[in-house]
Amino acid sequence: MTTMTTTQTLAPTTGTWVLDPSHTRLGFSAKHAMITTVRGQFEQLEGSLSLDGNHPQNSTATMRAEAASVTTGNSDRGNHLRSPDFLDVENHPDLTFTSTGVRYEGGSDFVMTGDLTIKGESRPVELSVELEGVSQDPFGNERIGFSGSTVISRKDFGLTWNVALEAGGVLVSDKVKISLDVSAIKQN
């Protein structure tokens, strides 16, 4: 694996890349009952990257996740997340992200801005992104890897369901951490 560290060595990232859903994870975490963290992910997703290693600011990315594919390891919680209380998957089948800008921060670090749409509400977000590297897999595919994260307010996206706790606070935190681990394959 080759790790990129300067704009000169970013040239190998140039090209069109398609996400490999079997090696890509779109996850999230939120506090439950104010004391523990619950994690989940979306199992069905797709996306692409158009990267310009010489001019990273010209790079773009898109991602789409099927809302119904949300899982947290608990079927009752998953069903509740798919309901109108949260994602309302019947009326809003997809969550999407479309980049609007990229800023190179040096080394392998970037900030990607874009529009995140959840439950029909679009809001601008900023993702901290790290290029993990470029490598050839055993099957001859050229791969690129990124990790990224951001924090959103779920209320900004119309996800307002909650229950007040007797001792104070609420059942589900407003703050949701989103994390990405992306593997994409270069297209010829």
Protein backbone atom coordinates (compact mmCIF):
# COMPACT_ATOMS: atom_id res chain seq x y z
CA MET A 1 0.00 0.00 0.00
CA THR A 2 1.22 3.49 -0.85
CA THR A 3 0.29 6.31 1.51
CA MET A 4 0.07 9.74 -0.08
CA THR A 5 1.63 12.65 1.79
CA THR A 6 2.04 15.64 -0.57
CA THR A 7 0.13 17.12 -3.48
CA GLN A 8 2.85 15.80 -5.80
CA THR A 9 2.20 12.25 -4.66
CA LEU A 10 -1.58 12.68 -4.94
CA ALA A 11 -1.38 12.28 -8.74
CA PRO A 12 -2.08 8.49 -8.54
CA THR A 13 -5.48 9.27 -6.99
CA THR A 14 -6.63 10.96 -10.21
CA GLY A 15 -9.49 9.19 -11.95
CA THR A 16 -13.00 7.89 -11.51
CA TRP A 17 -13.56 5.46 -8.66
CA VAL A 18 -16.66 3.44 -7.76
CA LEU A 19 -17.36 2.45 -4.17
CA ASP A 20 -17.01 -1.22 -3.33
CA PRO A 21 -20.02 -1.71 -1.02
CA SER A 22 -18.65 -4.97 0.39
CA HIS A 23 -15.60 -3.09 1.71
CA THR A 24 -17.21 0.26 2.50
CA ARG A 25 -18.98 1.17 5.73
CA LEU A 26 -21.32 4.10 6.41
CA GLY A 27 -21.84 4.09 10.16
CA PHE A 28 -23.36 6.27 12.83
CA SER A 29 -23.51 6.48 16.60
CA ALA A 30 -25.74 8.28 19.09
CA LYS A 31 -26.15 8.31 22.85
CA HIS A 32 -28.95 6.21 24.32
CA ALA A 33 -30.46 7.18 27.69
CA MET A 34 -27.65 9.74 28.06
CA ILE A 35 -25.20 7.05 29.20
CA THR A 36 -24.26 4.66 26.41
CA THR A 37 -23.42 4.77 22.73
CA VAL A 38 -25.47 2.84 20.19
CA ARG A 39 -23.89 2.20 16.80
CA GLY A 40 -25.43 1.33 13.47
CA GLN A 41 -24.76 1.29 9.78
CA PHE A 42 -26.37 1.15 6.36
CA GLU A 43 -25.79 -2.13 4.55
CA GLN A 44 -26.86 -1.08 1.03
CA LEU A 45 -24.95 1.81 -0.49
CA GLU A 46 -23.35 3.03 -3.67
CA GLY A 47 -21.26 5.96 -4.75
CA SER A 48 -18.49 7.31 -6.88
CA LEU A 49 -15.49 9.62 -6.68
CA SER A 50 -14.04 11.79 -9.41
CA LEU A 51 -10.60 12.71 -8.11
CA ASP A 52 -8.04 15.18 -9.38
CA GLY A 53 -4.77 14.52 -7.55
CA ASN A 54 -3.07 17.56 -9.04
CA HIS A 55 -5.95 19.87 -8.09
CA PRO A 56 -7.84 18.21 -5.18
CA GLN A 57 -10.29 21.12 -5.00
CA ASN A 58 -11.73 19.90 -8.33
CA SER A 59 -12.61 16.48 -6.90
CA THR A 60 -16.20 15.35 -6.33
CA ALA A 61 -18.01 12.55 -4.54
CA THR A 62 -21.53 11.16 -4.31
CA MET A 63 -23.01 8.48 -2.09
CA ARG A 64 -26.47 6.96 -1.73
CA ALA A 65 -27.60 4.66 1.06
CA GLU A 66 -30.87 2.76 1.16
CA ALA A 67 -32.63 3.93 4.31
CA ALA A 68 -34.32 0.53 4.75
CA SER A 69 -30.89 -1.11 5.04
CA VAL A 70 -30.21 0.51 8.43
CA THR A 71 -29.10 -1.96 11.08
CA THR A 72 -28.00 -1.65 14.70
CA GLY A 73 -27.87 -5.29 15.76
CA ASN A 74 -31.34 -5.06 17.34
CA SER A 75 -34.36 -5.77 15.11
CA ASP A 76 -36.84 -3.74 17.23
CA ARG A 77 -34.54 -0.71 17.17
CA GLY A 78 -33.94 -1.17 13.43
CA ASN A 79 -37.69 -1.30 12.76
CA HIS A 80 -38.18 1.85 14.82
CA LEU A 81 -35.43 3.64 12.87
CA ARG A 82 -37.18 2.67 9.60
CA SER A 83 -40.55 3.99 10.87
CA PRO A 84 -41.98 7.52 10.38
CA ASP A 85 -40.59 8.40 13.84
CA PHE A 86 -37.11 8.42 12.30
CA LEU A 87 -36.13 7.67 8.68
CA ASP A 88 -39.66 7.08 7.30
CA VAL A 89 -38.28 4.74 4.65
CA GLU A 90 -41.58 4.38 2.77
CA ASN A 91 -41.61 8.09 1.94
CA HIS A 92 -37.84 8.70 1.97
CA PRO A 93 -36.09 5.57 0.63
CA ASP A 94 -32.59 7.09 0.30
CA LEU A 95 -30.03 9.10 2.20
CA THR A 96 -27.68 10.97 -0.13
CA PHE A 97 -24.50 12.98 -0.03
CA THR A 98 -23.26 15.17 -2.89
CA SER A 99 -19.99 17.02 -2.46
CA THR A 100 -19.80 20.75 -3.11
CA GLY A 101 -16.10 21.31 -2.38
CA VAL A 102 -12.81 19.82 -1.27
CA ARG A 103 -10.05 21.52 0.67
CA TYR A 104 -6.60 19.92 0.93
CA GLU A 105 -5.28 20.28 4.48
CA GLY A 106 -1.85 18.76 3.86
CA GLY A 107 -0.43 15.28 4.24
CA SER A 108 -3.30 12.85 3.77
CA ASP A 109 -5.98 15.14 5.25
CA PHE A 110 -8.86 16.82 3.45
CA VAL A 111 -12.11 18.56 4.31
CA MET A 112 -15.01 17.71 2.01
CA THR A 113 -18.11 19.87 2.08
CA GLY A 114 -21.40 18.74 0.66
CA ASP A 115 -25.13 18.42 0.92
CA LEU A 116 -26.44 15.60 3.08
CA THR A 117 -30.09 14.63 2.58
CA ILE A 118 -31.93 12.60 5.21
CA LYS A 119 -35.71 12.19 5.32
CA GLY A 120 -36.09 14.75 2.53
CA GLU A 121 -34.13 17.46 4.39
CA SER A 122 -30.86 18.67 2.83
CA ARG A 123 -28.24 20.41 4.92
CA PRO A 124 -24.61 21.34 4.29
CA VAL A 125 -22.06 19.26 6.18
CA GLU A 126 -18.28 19.20 6.49
CA LEU A 127 -16.48 15.85 6.53
CA SER A 128 -12.96 15.42 7.86
CA VAL A 129 -11.42 12.94 5.42
CA GLU A 130 -8.15 11.04 5.49
CA LEU A 131 -6.68 9.33 2.44
CA GLU A 132 -5.64 5.89 3.67
CA GLY A 133 -3.79 4.97 0.48
CA VAL A 134 -3.84 3.56 -3.04
CA SER A 135 -3.07 -0.10 -3.69
CA GLN A 136 -3.59 -2.93 -6.13
CA ASP A 137 -5.65 -5.82 -4.79
CA PRO A 138 -4.90 -9.52 -5.58
CA PHE A 139 -7.47 -9.43 -8.40
CA GLY A 140 -5.73 -6.65 -10.34
CA ASN A 141 -8.05 -3.83 -9.24
CA GLU A 142 -6.55 -0.50 -8.30
CA ARG A 143 -8.13 0.54 -5.00
CA ILE A 144 -8.25 3.72 -2.98
CA GLY A 145 -9.19 3.99 0.68
CA PHE A 146 -10.55 6.88 2.73
CA SER A 147 -11.88 7.32 6.22
CA GLY A 148 -14.05 10.23 7.25
CA SER A 149 -16.30 11.61 9.94
CA THR A 150 -18.68 14.39 10.83
CA VAL A 151 -21.22 15.22 13.52
CA ILE A 152 -24.78 16.31 12.76
CA SER A 153 -27.84 17.41 14.70
CA ARG A 154 -30.56 14.90 13.84
CA LYS A 155 -33.19 17.59 14.46
CA ASP A 156 -31.80 19.48 11.45
CA PHE A 157 -33.03 16.56 9.34
CA GLY A 158 -36.50 16.27 10.86
CA LEU A 159 -35.55 13.38 13.16
CA THR A 160 -37.19 14.81 16.27
CA TRP A 161 -38.76 11.78 17.98
CA ASN A 162 -37.65 11.40 21.60
CA VAL A 163 -38.74 10.48 25.12
CA ALA A 164 -37.93 12.52 28.23
CA LEU A 165 -36.23 10.55 31.00
CA GLU A 166 -37.49 10.71 34.59
CA ALA A 167 -34.02 11.57 35.88
CA GLY A 168 -33.61 14.31 33.26
CA GLY A 169 -32.35 14.27 29.72
CA VAL A 170 -33.73 12.33 26.78
CA LEU A 171 -33.67 8.79 25.44
CA VAL A 172 -31.84 9.59 22.15
CA SER A 173 -29.18 12.28 21.77
CA ASP A 174 -29.60 14.99 19.18
CA LYS A 175 -25.91 14.71 18.23
CA VAL A 176 -25.17 11.88 15.78
CA LYS A 177 -21.64 10.97 14.74
CA ILE A 178 -21.28 9.75 11.17
CA SER A 179 -18.26 7.69 10.14
CA LEU A 180 -17.08 6.42 6.78
CA ASP A 181 -14.62 3.77 5.77
CA VAL A 182 -14.48 3.80 1.98
CA SER A 183 -12.86 1.40 -0.46
CA ALA A 184 -13.29 2.28 -4.12
CA ILE A 185 -12.13 0.66 -7.36
CA LYS A 186 -10.65 2.68 -10.21
CA GLN A 187 -12.61 2.62 -13.44
CA ASN A 188 -10.76 2.35 -16.76
